[in-house]
Amino acid sequence: MMVRDEIIRGGGAAGIFQADIRDPDQVSRLIMEVKSDLGSVDILVINAAGPQPLIPIERLTWQDCVDQMEFFVKSPVLLVKEAIGDMKKSHHGRIIQIGSEVFEKGIPNFSNYVAAKAAQLGLTRSWAMELAPWQITVNLVAPGWIPTERHADDSQEEKERYALGVPMGRMGEARDVAGTVAFLASDRARFITGQKISVNGGNTLE
């Protein structure tokens, strides 16, 4: 609500829409509602996620992997399929996925999540090549550990231990990720596509 209100106070247009982005019918309805209220979709930022449990190999099941793929493969596919028509018609569009540094870090007991994030990067690169003729860019922003509301139960000790391993000696903030997304959504990034941009203080190197 706060972000929407801030946009409206600044003279922009904004709305709040809800859907289970793993459900094809709900995604279709979502895009229709957005288009009806705000117009065609020309920028799509994909950042939905669910629970991300740590699971050792001995307890790992295929369903554990599928649960992550639902958010990081299925939902991007459903959203892009619904939004891509208008982008192709206008020969303009920005698709920005939110990935993670875990693909490079190879976090133990987290293979269900790491594998899904790797697949999400694969989608990004393939879609970038497929959609380039329409001047539609597809990129992925890969943050490190950025404390948000979902990390409210994580201990300060865990955060400090992570920060010690970051070359810049601290954790990032949500605005660091938002600034990168805003750049990729802008005309200044019109010739950048198929890329993964890490926002993690140098915690990984490409």
N, C-alpha and C. Protein backbone atom coordinates (compact mmCIF):
# COMPACT_ATOMS: atom_id res chain seq x y z
N MET A 1 0.83 -1.20 0.00
CA MET A 1 0.00 0.00 0.00
C MET A 1 0.87 1.25 0.00
N MET A 2 1.94 1.27 0.78
CA MET A 2 2.77 2.45 0.91
C MET A 2 3.41 2.82 -0.43
N VAL A 3 3.89 1.83 -1.17
CA VAL A 3 4.52 2.11 -2.46
C VAL A 3 3.50 2.66 -3.43
N ARG A 4 2.32 2.04 -3.48
CA ARG A 4 1.27 2.53 -4.38
C ARG A 4 0.92 3.98 -4.05
N ASP A 5 0.73 4.27 -2.77
CA ASP A 5 0.35 5.62 -2.36
C ASP A 5 1.44 6.62 -2.70
N GLU A 6 2.69 6.21 -2.55
CA GLU A 6 3.80 7.11 -2.86
C GLU A 6 3.82 7.43 -4.35
N ILE A 7 3.57 6.42 -5.18
CA ILE A 7 3.53 6.64 -6.64
C ILE A 7 2.41 7.60 -7.01
N ILE A 8 1.24 7.39 -6.42
CA ILE A 8 0.10 8.25 -6.72
C ILE A 8 0.35 9.68 -6.25
N ARG A 9 0.94 9.83 -5.06
CA ARG A 9 1.26 11.18 -4.57
C ARG A 9 2.24 11.88 -5.49
N GLY A 10 3.12 11.10 -6.14
CA GLY A 10 4.09 11.68 -7.05
C GLY A 10 3.53 11.95 -8.44
N GLY A 11 2.24 11.71 -8.63
CA GLY A 11 1.61 11.99 -9.91
C GLY A 11 1.52 10.82 -10.86
N GLY A 12 1.94 9.64 -10.40
CA GLY A 12 1.88 8.45 -11.24
C GLY A 12 0.58 7.69 -11.05
N ALA A 13 0.46 6.60 -11.78
CA ALA A 13 -0.71 5.72 -11.66
C ALA A 13 -0.24 4.37 -11.13
N ALA A 14 -0.96 3.80 -10.19
CA ALA A 14 -0.56 2.52 -9.60
C ALA A 14 -1.79 1.79 -9.08
N GLY A 15 -1.69 0.50 -8.99
CA GLY A 15 -2.77 -0.31 -8.46
C GLY A 15 -2.21 -1.55 -7.80
N ILE A 16 -3.02 -2.21 -7.03
CA ILE A 16 -2.63 -3.46 -6.37
C ILE A 16 -3.52 -4.57 -6.91
N PHE A 17 -2.89 -5.65 -7.37
CA PHE A 17 -3.61 -6.77 -7.96
C PHE A 17 -3.09 -8.06 -7.32
N GLN A 18 -3.96 -9.01 -7.13
CA GLN A 18 -3.57 -10.23 -6.43
C GLN A 18 -3.89 -11.46 -7.27
N ALA A 19 -2.96 -12.43 -7.26
CA ALA A 19 -3.19 -13.69 -7.96
C ALA A 19 -2.17 -14.71 -7.50
N ASP A 20 -2.52 -15.97 -7.62
CA ASP A 20 -1.55 -17.06 -7.45
C ASP A 20 -0.84 -17.21 -8.78
N ILE A 21 0.40 -16.77 -8.86
CA ILE A 21 1.09 -16.73 -10.15
C ILE A 21 1.55 -18.11 -10.60
N ARG A 22 1.16 -19.16 -9.90
CA ARG A 22 1.39 -20.53 -10.34
C ARG A 22 0.18 -21.10 -11.06
N ASP A 23 -0.91 -20.36 -11.07
CA ASP A 23 -2.17 -20.83 -11.64
C ASP A 23 -2.43 -20.12 -12.97
N PRO A 24 -2.51 -20.86 -14.08
CA PRO A 24 -2.68 -20.22 -15.40
C PRO A 24 -3.90 -19.32 -15.49
N ASP A 25 -5.03 -19.76 -14.94
CA ASP A 25 -6.25 -18.95 -15.02
C ASP A 25 -6.12 -17.66 -14.23
N GLN A 26 -5.50 -17.74 -13.06
CA GLN A 26 -5.33 -16.54 -12.25
C GLN A 26 -4.33 -15.58 -12.88
N VAL A 27 -3.30 -16.10 -13.51
CA VAL A 27 -2.34 -15.23 -14.19
C VAL A 27 -3.01 -14.52 -15.36
N SER A 28 -3.82 -15.24 -16.11
CA SER A 28 -4.54 -14.63 -17.23
C SER A 28 -5.45 -13.52 -16.74
N ARG A 29 -6.17 -13.79 -15.65
CA ARG A 29 -7.05 -12.77 -15.08
C ARG A 29 -6.24 -11.57 -14.59
N LEU A 30 -5.10 -11.84 -13.95
CA LEU A 30 -4.25 -10.78 -13.43
C LEU A 30 -3.82 -9.82 -14.53
N ILE A 31 -3.31 -10.35 -15.62
CA ILE A 31 -2.84 -9.50 -16.71
C ILE A 31 -4.00 -8.71 -17.32
N MET A 32 -5.16 -9.34 -17.43
CA MET A 32 -6.33 -8.65 -17.97
C MET A 32 -6.72 -7.48 -17.07
N GLU A 33 -6.68 -7.69 -15.75
CA GLU A 33 -7.04 -6.63 -14.81
C GLU A 33 -6.04 -5.48 -14.87
N VAL A 34 -4.76 -5.82 -14.95
CA VAL A 34 -3.73 -4.78 -15.03
C VAL A 34 -3.91 -3.96 -16.30
N LYS A 35 -4.13 -4.63 -17.42
CA LYS A 35 -4.29 -3.93 -18.69
C LYS A 35 -5.55 -3.06 -18.69
N SER A 36 -6.61 -3.55 -18.07
CA SER A 36 -7.84 -2.79 -18.00
C SER A 36 -7.67 -1.52 -17.17
N ASP A 37 -6.88 -1.63 -16.11
CA ASP A 37 -6.73 -0.51 -15.18
C ASP A 37 -5.59 0.44 -15.57
N LEU A 38 -4.49 -0.11 -16.09
CA LEU A 38 -3.29 0.70 -16.31
C LEU A 38 -2.80 0.72 -17.76
N GLY A 39 -3.37 -0.10 -18.61
CA GLY A 39 -2.91 -0.15 -19.99
C GLY A 39 -1.99 -1.34 -20.22
N SER A 40 -1.45 -1.44 -21.41
CA SER A 40 -0.65 -2.60 -21.79
C SER A 40 0.61 -2.73 -20.92
N VAL A 41 1.06 -3.96 -20.77
CA VAL A 41 2.24 -4.24 -19.96
C VAL A 41 3.48 -4.13 -20.84
N ASP A 42 4.36 -3.19 -20.54
CA ASP A 42 5.60 -3.08 -21.30
C ASP A 42 6.83 -3.32 -20.44
N ILE A 43 6.63 -3.40 -19.12
CA ILE A 43 7.71 -3.76 -18.20
C ILE A 43 7.17 -4.83 -17.26
N LEU A 44 7.86 -5.96 -17.21
CA LEU A 44 7.44 -7.07 -16.36
C LEU A 44 8.59 -7.46 -15.44
N VAL A 45 8.42 -7.25 -14.15
CA VAL A 45 9.43 -7.63 -13.16
C VAL A 45 8.91 -8.86 -12.43
N ILE A 46 9.66 -9.94 -12.50
CA ILE A 46 9.20 -11.23 -11.95
C ILE A 46 9.96 -11.50 -10.65
N ASN A 47 9.22 -11.45 -9.51
CA ASN A 47 9.89 -11.51 -8.21
C ASN A 47 9.08 -12.28 -7.17
N ALA A 48 8.18 -13.13 -7.59
CA ALA A 48 7.37 -13.89 -6.63
C ALA A 48 8.15 -15.09 -6.11
N ALA A 49 7.94 -15.42 -4.85
CA ALA A 49 8.63 -16.57 -4.23
C ALA A 49 7.77 -17.12 -3.11
N GLY A 50 8.07 -18.35 -2.73
CA GLY A 50 7.38 -18.97 -1.61
C GLY A 50 8.39 -19.40 -0.56
N PRO A 51 8.02 -20.32 0.31
CA PRO A 51 8.95 -20.83 1.32
C PRO A 51 10.18 -21.46 0.67
N GLN A 52 11.33 -21.27 1.29
CA GLN A 52 12.59 -21.77 0.74
C GLN A 52 13.36 -22.55 1.82
N PRO A 53 12.89 -23.76 2.12
CA PRO A 53 13.49 -24.52 3.22
C PRO A 53 14.86 -25.10 2.86
N LEU A 54 15.72 -25.16 3.86
CA LEU A 54 17.00 -25.86 3.72
C LEU A 54 16.73 -27.35 3.91
N ILE A 55 17.15 -28.17 2.94
CA ILE A 55 16.86 -29.61 2.99
C ILE A 55 18.11 -30.39 2.60
N PRO A 56 18.66 -31.22 3.48
CA PRO A 56 19.82 -32.03 3.11
C PRO A 56 19.44 -33.10 2.09
N ILE A 57 20.42 -33.60 1.37
CA ILE A 57 20.17 -34.57 0.30
C ILE A 57 19.36 -35.77 0.79
N GLU A 58 19.68 -36.25 1.99
CA GLU A 58 19.00 -37.45 2.49
C GLU A 58 17.50 -37.27 2.62
N ARG A 59 17.05 -36.05 2.80
CA ARG A 59 15.62 -35.78 2.96
C ARG A 59 14.99 -35.11 1.74
N LEU A 60 15.81 -34.86 0.73
CA LEU A 60 15.33 -34.16 -0.45
C LEU A 60 14.41 -35.04 -1.28
N THR A 61 13.27 -34.48 -1.70
CA THR A 61 12.34 -35.20 -2.57
C THR A 61 12.17 -34.42 -3.87
N TRP A 62 11.65 -35.10 -4.87
CA TRP A 62 11.38 -34.42 -6.13
C TRP A 62 10.37 -33.30 -5.93
N GLN A 63 9.40 -33.52 -5.05
CA GLN A 63 8.40 -32.48 -4.80
C GLN A 63 9.04 -31.23 -4.23
N ASP A 64 10.09 -31.39 -3.41
CA ASP A 64 10.80 -30.22 -2.89
C ASP A 64 11.36 -29.38 -4.03
N CYS A 65 11.85 -30.06 -5.06
CA CYS A 65 12.38 -29.35 -6.23
C CYS A 65 11.26 -28.71 -7.04
N VAL A 66 10.18 -29.46 -7.22
CA VAL A 66 9.04 -28.94 -7.98
C VAL A 66 8.46 -27.70 -7.31
N ASP A 67 8.41 -27.70 -5.97
CA ASP A 67 7.87 -26.55 -5.25
C ASP A 67 8.61 -25.26 -5.61
N GLN A 68 9.93 -25.35 -5.78
CA GLN A 68 10.71 -24.18 -6.16
C GLN A 68 10.55 -23.86 -7.64
N MET A 69 10.49 -24.89 -8.48
CA MET A 69 10.29 -24.68 -9.91
C MET A 69 8.95 -23.99 -10.20
N GLU A 70 7.96 -24.23 -9.36
CA GLU A 70 6.66 -23.60 -9.54
C GLU A 70 6.79 -22.08 -9.55
N PHE A 71 7.66 -21.56 -8.69
CA PHE A 71 7.83 -20.11 -8.59
C PHE A 71 8.84 -19.56 -9.60
N PHE A 72 9.90 -20.31 -9.87
CA PHE A 72 11.00 -19.73 -10.63
C PHE A 72 11.09 -20.22 -12.08
N VAL A 73 10.23 -21.16 -12.45
CA VAL A 73 10.13 -21.58 -13.85
C VAL A 73 8.69 -21.46 -14.34
N LYS A 74 7.77 -22.11 -13.64
CA LYS A 74 6.38 -22.10 -14.10
C LYS A 74 5.80 -20.70 -14.10
N SER A 75 5.95 -19.96 -13.00
CA SER A 75 5.32 -18.64 -12.94
C SER A 75 5.91 -17.66 -13.94
N PRO A 76 7.23 -17.63 -14.17
CA PRO A 76 7.74 -16.76 -15.24
C PRO A 76 7.17 -17.13 -16.61
N VAL A 77 7.07 -18.42 -16.89
CA VAL A 77 6.51 -18.85 -18.17
C VAL A 77 5.08 -18.34 -18.33
N LEU A 78 4.25 -18.52 -17.31
CA LEU A 78 2.86 -18.09 -17.38
C LEU A 78 2.75 -16.57 -17.55
N LEU A 79 3.54 -15.82 -16.79
CA LEU A 79 3.47 -14.36 -16.85
C LEU A 79 3.95 -13.82 -18.20
N VAL A 80 5.06 -14.35 -18.68
CA VAL A 80 5.60 -13.85 -19.95
C VAL A 80 4.66 -14.19 -21.10
N LYS A 81 4.10 -15.39 -21.11
CA LYS A 81 3.18 -15.77 -22.18
C LYS A 81 1.99 -14.81 -22.26
N GLU A 82 1.51 -14.36 -21.11
CA GLU A 82 0.34 -13.47 -21.10
C GLU A 82 0.71 -12.04 -21.48
N ALA A 83 1.94 -11.63 -21.17
CA ALA A 83 2.32 -10.23 -21.38
C ALA A 83 3.02 -9.97 -22.70
N ILE A 84 3.54 -11.00 -23.33
CA ILE A 84 4.44 -10.80 -24.46
C ILE A 84 3.76 -10.28 -25.71
N GLY A 85 2.46 -10.53 -25.85
CA GLY A 85 1.76 -10.11 -27.07
C GLY A 85 1.84 -8.62 -27.32
N ASP A 86 1.55 -7.82 -26.30
CA ASP A 86 1.59 -6.37 -26.46
C ASP A 86 3.01 -5.88 -26.69
N MET A 87 3.97 -6.51 -26.05
CA MET A 87 5.36 -6.10 -26.24
C MET A 87 5.79 -6.33 -27.69
N LYS A 88 5.40 -7.46 -28.23
CA LYS A 88 5.77 -7.74 -29.62
C LYS A 88 5.10 -6.76 -30.58
N LYS A 89 3.84 -6.43 -30.29
CA LYS A 89 3.13 -5.50 -31.16
C LYS A 89 3.81 -4.13 -31.19
N SER A 90 4.29 -3.68 -30.05
CA SER A 90 4.90 -2.36 -29.96
C SER A 90 6.39 -2.37 -30.25
N HIS A 91 6.96 -3.58 -30.43
CA HIS A 91 8.41 -3.71 -30.61
C HIS A 91 9.17 -3.02 -29.49
N HIS A 92 8.70 -3.25 -28.28
CA HIS A 92 9.35 -2.68 -27.11
C HIS A 92 8.91 -3.44 -25.88
N GLY A 93 9.84 -3.71 -24.98
CA GLY A 93 9.47 -4.38 -23.74
C GLY A 93 10.68 -4.66 -22.87
N ARG A 94 10.43 -4.78 -21.58
CA ARG A 94 11.47 -5.10 -20.61
C ARG A 94 10.96 -6.23 -19.73
N ILE A 95 11.68 -7.33 -19.71
CA ILE A 95 11.39 -8.44 -18.80
C ILE A 95 12.58 -8.56 -17.87
N ILE A 96 12.33 -8.43 -16.58
CA ILE A 96 13.41 -8.45 -15.59
C ILE A 96 13.08 -9.49 -14.53
N GLN A 97 13.90 -10.51 -14.46
CA GLN A 97 13.72 -11.55 -13.46
C GLN A 97 14.61 -11.26 -12.25
N ILE A 98 14.13 -11.64 -11.07
CA ILE A 98 14.94 -11.52 -9.87
C ILE A 98 15.46 -12.91 -9.51
N GLY A 99 16.76 -13.07 -9.66
CA GLY A 99 17.39 -14.35 -9.38
C GLY A 99 18.05 -14.35 -8.00
N SER A 100 19.24 -14.92 -7.93
CA SER A 100 19.94 -15.00 -6.65
C SER A 100 21.40 -15.36 -6.88
N GLU A 101 22.24 -14.97 -5.92
CA GLU A 101 23.64 -15.34 -5.99
C GLU A 101 23.88 -16.81 -5.68
N VAL A 102 22.84 -17.53 -5.24
CA VAL A 102 23.04 -18.92 -4.80
C VAL A 102 23.53 -19.82 -5.93
N PHE A 103 23.21 -19.44 -7.18
CA PHE A 103 23.65 -20.26 -8.31
C PHE A 103 25.17 -20.32 -8.36
N GLU A 104 25.84 -19.19 -8.09
CA GLU A 104 27.30 -19.17 -8.06
C GLU A 104 27.86 -19.71 -6.74
N LYS A 105 27.15 -19.46 -5.65
CA LYS A 105 27.67 -19.83 -4.33
C LYS A 105 27.50 -21.32 -4.03
N GLY A 106 26.49 -21.95 -4.64
CA GLY A 106 26.27 -23.38 -4.38
C GLY A 106 26.01 -23.67 -2.92
N ILE A 107 25.01 -23.02 -2.35
CA ILE A 107 24.72 -23.13 -0.91
C ILE A 107 24.36 -24.57 -0.54
N PRO A 108 25.01 -25.16 0.46
CA PRO A 108 24.67 -26.53 0.86
C PRO A 108 23.28 -26.63 1.47
N ASN A 109 22.69 -27.80 1.33
CA ASN A 109 21.35 -28.09 1.84
C ASN A 109 20.27 -27.23 1.19
N PHE A 110 20.59 -26.68 0.03
CA PHE A 110 19.68 -25.75 -0.62
C PHE A 110 19.53 -26.08 -2.11
N SER A 111 19.82 -27.33 -2.48
CA SER A 111 19.86 -27.69 -3.90
C SER A 111 18.51 -27.53 -4.58
N ASN A 112 17.42 -27.69 -3.85
CA ASN A 112 16.09 -27.49 -4.44
C ASN A 112 15.94 -26.06 -4.95
N TYR A 113 16.39 -25.11 -4.17
CA TYR A 113 16.28 -23.69 -4.53
C TYR A 113 17.33 -23.30 -5.57
N VAL A 114 18.55 -23.77 -5.38
CA VAL A 114 19.64 -23.43 -6.31
C VAL A 114 19.32 -23.93 -7.72
N ALA A 115 18.79 -25.15 -7.82
CA ALA A 115 18.47 -25.71 -9.13
C ALA A 115 17.39 -24.89 -9.82
N ALA A 116 16.39 -24.44 -9.08
CA ALA A 116 15.32 -23.64 -9.67
C ALA A 116 15.84 -22.29 -10.13
N LYS A 117 16.75 -21.70 -9.36
CA LYS A 117 17.32 -20.42 -9.75
C LYS A 117 18.21 -20.57 -10.98
N ALA A 118 18.88 -21.69 -11.11
CA ALA A 118 19.67 -21.96 -12.31
C ALA A 118 18.76 -22.06 -13.53
N ALA A 119 17.63 -22.73 -13.37
CA ALA A 119 16.68 -22.86 -14.47
C ALA A 119 16.11 -21.50 -14.85
N GLN A 120 15.88 -20.65 -13.88
CA GLN A 120 15.38 -19.30 -14.15
C GLN A 120 16.38 -18.50 -14.99
N LEU A 121 17.65 -18.66 -14.71
CA LEU A 121 18.68 -17.99 -15.51
C LEU A 121 18.68 -18.54 -16.94
N GLY A 122 18.47 -19.83 -17.08
CA GLY A 122 18.39 -20.42 -18.41
C GLY A 122 17.24 -19.85 -19.22
N LEU A 123 16.08 -19.68 -18.57
CA LEU A 123 14.94 -19.05 -19.24
C LEU A 123 15.32 -17.65 -19.72
N THR A 124 15.96 -16.90 -18.85
CA THR A 124 16.34 -15.52 -19.17
C THR A 124 17.20 -15.46 -20.42
N ARG A 125 18.21 -16.29 -20.48
CA ARG A 125 19.15 -16.24 -21.60
C ARG A 125 18.49 -16.67 -22.91
N SER A 126 17.68 -17.71 -22.86
CA SER A 126 17.02 -18.19 -24.08
C SER A 126 15.98 -17.19 -24.56
N TRP A 127 15.18 -16.65 -23.63
CA TRP A 127 14.18 -15.66 -24.02
C TRP A 127 14.83 -14.40 -24.59
N ALA A 128 15.98 -14.02 -24.06
CA ALA A 128 16.65 -12.83 -24.57
C ALA A 128 16.98 -12.99 -26.05
N MET A 129 17.46 -14.16 -26.42
CA MET A 129 17.79 -14.41 -27.82
C MET A 129 16.54 -14.49 -28.69
N GLU A 130 15.49 -15.10 -28.16
CA GLU A 130 14.25 -15.26 -28.93
C GLU A 130 13.54 -13.93 -29.16
N LEU A 131 13.60 -13.04 -28.18
CA LEU A 131 12.82 -11.81 -28.24
C LEU A 131 13.61 -10.60 -28.73
N ALA A 132 14.90 -10.76 -28.92
CA ALA A 132 15.73 -9.65 -29.38
C ALA A 132 15.23 -9.01 -30.67
N PRO A 133 14.76 -9.78 -31.66
CA PRO A 133 14.28 -9.15 -32.90
C PRO A 133 13.13 -8.17 -32.68
N TRP A 134 12.39 -8.31 -31.57
CA TRP A 134 11.30 -7.39 -31.25
C TRP A 134 11.76 -6.25 -30.34
N GLN A 135 13.07 -6.14 -30.13
CA GLN A 135 13.62 -5.09 -29.26
C GLN A 135 13.12 -5.23 -27.82
N ILE A 136 12.86 -6.46 -27.43
CA ILE A 136 12.44 -6.76 -26.06
C ILE A 136 13.66 -7.30 -25.32
N THR A 137 14.03 -6.67 -24.23
CA THR A 137 15.18 -7.13 -23.47
C THR A 137 14.74 -8.02 -22.31
N VAL A 138 15.57 -9.00 -22.02
CA VAL A 138 15.30 -9.92 -20.92
C VAL A 138 16.58 -10.07 -20.10
N ASN A 139 16.53 -9.66 -18.85
CA ASN A 139 17.71 -9.72 -17.99
C ASN A 139 17.33 -10.25 -16.61
N LEU A 140 18.35 -10.58 -15.85
CA LEU A 140 18.13 -11.12 -14.50
C LEU A 140 19.01 -10.37 -13.52
N VAL A 141 18.41 -9.92 -12.43
CA VAL A 141 19.14 -9.27 -11.33
C VAL A 141 19.31 -10.30 -10.23
N ALA A 142 20.55 -10.52 -9.81
CA ALA A 142 20.84 -11.56 -8.82
C ALA A 142 21.35 -10.92 -7.53
N PRO A 143 20.47 -10.68 -6.57
CA PRO A 143 20.91 -10.09 -5.31
C PRO A 143 21.61 -11.11 -4.42
N GLY A 144 22.37 -10.59 -3.47
CA GLY A 144 22.82 -11.40 -2.35
C GLY A 144 21.71 -11.43 -1.31
N TRP A 145 22.09 -11.64 -0.07
CA TRP A 145 21.11 -11.65 1.01
C TRP A 145 20.73 -10.21 1.33
N ILE A 146 19.51 -9.83 0.96
CA ILE A 146 19.00 -8.49 1.21
C ILE A 146 17.92 -8.60 2.29
N PRO A 147 18.16 -8.14 3.49
CA PRO A 147 17.15 -8.27 4.56
C PRO A 147 15.85 -7.54 4.21
N THR A 148 14.76 -8.27 4.27
CA THR A 148 13.42 -7.70 4.05
C THR A 148 12.50 -8.27 5.13
N GLU A 149 11.21 -7.99 4.99
CA GLU A 149 10.25 -8.47 5.98
C GLU A 149 10.30 -9.99 6.15
N ARG A 150 10.60 -10.69 5.07
CA ARG A 150 10.60 -12.15 5.14
C ARG A 150 11.75 -12.69 5.97
N HIS A 151 12.73 -11.84 6.29
CA HIS A 151 13.87 -12.25 7.09
C HIS A 151 13.76 -11.80 8.54
N ALA A 152 12.56 -11.44 8.95
CA ALA A 152 12.37 -10.90 10.30
C ALA A 152 12.79 -11.89 11.38
N ASP A 153 12.68 -13.17 11.11
CA ASP A 153 13.01 -14.18 12.12
C ASP A 153 14.48 -14.63 12.06
N ASP A 154 15.23 -14.14 11.09
CA ASP A 154 16.65 -14.51 10.99
C ASP A 154 17.43 -13.75 12.06
N SER A 155 18.37 -14.44 12.66
CA SER A 155 19.10 -13.85 13.77
C SER A 155 20.11 -12.80 13.30
N GLN A 156 20.42 -11.86 14.16
CA GLN A 156 21.42 -10.84 13.86
C GLN A 156 22.78 -11.49 13.67
N GLU A 157 23.03 -12.57 14.41
CA GLU A 157 24.31 -13.29 14.28
C GLU A 157 24.49 -13.85 12.87
N GLU A 158 23.41 -14.42 12.31
CA GLU A 158 23.47 -14.94 10.95
C GLU A 158 23.77 -13.84 9.94
N LYS A 159 23.12 -12.70 10.12
CA LYS A 159 23.32 -11.57 9.21
C LYS A 159 24.74 -11.04 9.29
N GLU A 160 25.25 -10.94 10.49
CA GLU A 160 26.62 -10.43 10.68
C GLU A 160 27.64 -11.40 10.09
N ARG A 161 27.39 -12.70 10.24
CA ARG A 161 28.30 -13.70 9.69
C ARG A 161 28.32 -13.62 8.17
N TYR A 162 27.16 -13.44 7.56
CA TYR A 162 27.10 -13.28 6.10
C TYR A 162 27.83 -12.02 5.67
N ALA A 163 27.57 -10.92 6.35
CA ALA A 163 28.18 -9.64 5.98
C ALA A 163 29.70 -9.69 6.03
N LEU A 164 30.25 -10.45 6.96
CA LEU A 164 31.71 -10.56 7.07
C LEU A 164 32.33 -11.18 5.83
N GLY A 165 31.57 -12.01 5.11
CA GLY A 165 32.10 -12.65 3.91
C GLY A 165 31.93 -11.82 2.65
N VAL A 166 31.21 -10.70 2.75
CA VAL A 166 30.99 -9.82 1.59
C VAL A 166 32.17 -8.86 1.47
N PRO A 167 32.80 -8.76 0.31
CA PRO A 167 33.95 -7.87 0.16
C PRO A 167 33.70 -6.44 0.62
N MET A 168 32.51 -5.93 0.44
CA MET A 168 32.20 -4.57 0.88
C MET A 168 31.88 -4.51 2.37
N GLY A 169 31.86 -5.67 3.03
CA GLY A 169 31.74 -5.71 4.48
C GLY A 169 30.37 -5.39 5.05
N ARG A 170 29.34 -5.49 4.24
CA ARG A 170 27.99 -5.19 4.73
C ARG A 170 26.96 -5.88 3.85
N MET A 171 25.73 -5.87 4.31
CA MET A 171 24.62 -6.40 3.52
C MET A 171 24.03 -5.28 2.67
N GLY A 172 23.39 -5.65 1.60
CA GLY A 172 22.74 -4.67 0.76
C GLY A 172 21.39 -4.27 1.29
N GLU A 173 20.76 -3.33 0.59
CA GLU A 173 19.43 -2.87 0.94
C GLU A 173 18.50 -3.06 -0.26
N ALA A 174 17.21 -3.07 0.01
CA ALA A 174 16.24 -3.27 -1.06
C ALA A 174 16.40 -2.22 -2.16
N ARG A 175 16.78 -1.00 -1.78
CA ARG A 175 16.93 0.05 -2.79
C ARG A 175 18.08 -0.22 -3.74
N ASP A 176 19.06 -1.02 -3.32
CA ASP A 176 20.16 -1.38 -4.23
C ASP A 176 19.63 -2.24 -5.38
N VAL A 177 18.74 -3.16 -5.05
CA VAL A 177 18.13 -4.01 -6.07
C VAL A 177 17.16 -3.19 -6.92
N ALA A 178 16.36 -2.35 -6.27
CA ALA A 178 15.38 -1.54 -6.98
C ALA A 178 16.06 -0.62 -7.99
N GLY A 179 17.20 -0.06 -7.61
CA GLY A 179 17.91 0.84 -8.53
C GLY A 179 18.39 0.12 -9.77
N THR A 180 18.85 -1.10 -9.60
CA THR A 180 19.31 -1.89 -10.74
C THR A 180 18.15 -2.26 -11.65
N VAL A 181 17.03 -2.64 -11.04
CA VAL A 181 15.83 -2.97 -11.83
C VAL A 181 15.36 -1.74 -12.60
N ALA A 182 15.35 -0.58 -11.93
CA ALA A 182 14.90 0.65 -12.60
C ALA A 182 15.79 0.98 -13.79
N PHE A 183 17.10 0.76 -13.65
CA PHE A 183 18.00 1.00 -14.76
C PHE A 183 17.69 0.08 -15.93
N LEU A 184 17.52 -1.21 -15.65
CA LEU A 184 17.24 -2.17 -16.72
C LEU A 184 15.89 -1.91 -17.38
N ALA A 185 14.98 -1.30 -16.65
CA ALA A 185 13.66 -0.99 -17.21
C ALA A 185 13.68 0.28 -18.04
N SER A 186 14.74 1.05 -17.92
CA SER A 186 14.80 2.35 -18.59
C SER A 186 15.35 2.23 -20.01
N ASP A 187 15.24 3.32 -20.73
CA ASP A 187 15.75 3.36 -22.10
C ASP A 187 17.28 3.32 -22.13
N ARG A 188 17.91 3.68 -21.02
CA ARG A 188 19.37 3.63 -20.96
C ARG A 188 19.91 2.21 -21.10
N ALA A 189 19.06 1.22 -20.82
CA ALA A 189 19.49 -0.18 -20.89
C ALA A 189 18.94 -0.88 -22.13
N ARG A 190 18.58 -0.11 -23.14
CA ARG A 190 17.89 -0.69 -24.30
C ARG A 190 18.76 -1.66 -25.09
N PHE A 191 20.10 -1.60 -24.91
CA PHE A 191 21.01 -2.48 -25.67
C PHE A 191 21.64 -3.53 -24.77
N ILE A 192 21.03 -3.78 -23.62
CA ILE A 192 21.51 -4.80 -22.68
C ILE A 192 20.45 -5.90 -22.60
N THR A 193 20.82 -7.10 -22.96
CA THR A 193 19.87 -8.21 -22.88
C THR A 193 20.60 -9.52 -22.66
N GLY A 194 19.92 -10.47 -22.02
CA GLY A 194 20.50 -11.79 -21.76
C GLY A 194 21.53 -11.80 -20.65
N GLN A 195 21.55 -10.75 -19.82
CA GLN A 195 22.60 -10.61 -18.82
C GLN A 195 22.09 -10.91 -17.41
N LYS A 196 23.02 -11.35 -16.58
CA LYS A 196 22.77 -11.49 -15.14
C LYS A 196 23.62 -10.46 -14.43
N ILE A 197 22.98 -9.58 -13.68
CA ILE A 197 23.70 -8.54 -12.95
C ILE A 197 23.61 -8.84 -11.46
N SER A 198 24.76 -9.08 -10.85
CA SER A 198 24.80 -9.39 -9.42
C SER A 198 24.80 -8.11 -8.60
N VAL A 199 23.96 -8.09 -7.59
CA VAL A 199 23.89 -6.95 -6.67
C VAL A 199 24.18 -7.49 -5.28
N ASN A 200 25.46 -7.65 -4.98
CA ASN A 200 25.84 -8.33 -3.74
C ASN A 200 27.18 -7.89 -3.17
N GLY A 201 27.60 -6.67 -3.49
CA GLY A 201 28.83 -6.15 -2.90
C GLY A 201 30.09 -6.90 -3.28
N GLY A 202 30.06 -7.58 -4.42
CA GLY A 202 31.23 -8.33 -4.87
C GLY A 202 31.32 -9.74 -4.31
N ASN A 203 30.20 -10.23 -3.77
CA ASN A 203 30.22 -11.56 -3.14
C ASN A 203 30.40 -12.68 -4.16
N THR A 204 30.09 -12.42 -5.42
CA THR A 204 30.39 -13.34 -6.52
C THR A 204 30.99 -12.53 -7.65
N LEU A 205 31.78 -13.20 -8.47
CA LEU A 205 32.38 -12.57 -9.65
C LEU A 205 32.00 -13.37 -10.87
N GLU A 206 31.59 -12.66 -11.92
CA GLU A 206 31.15 -13.35 -13.16
C GLU A 206 32.37 -13.72 -14.00
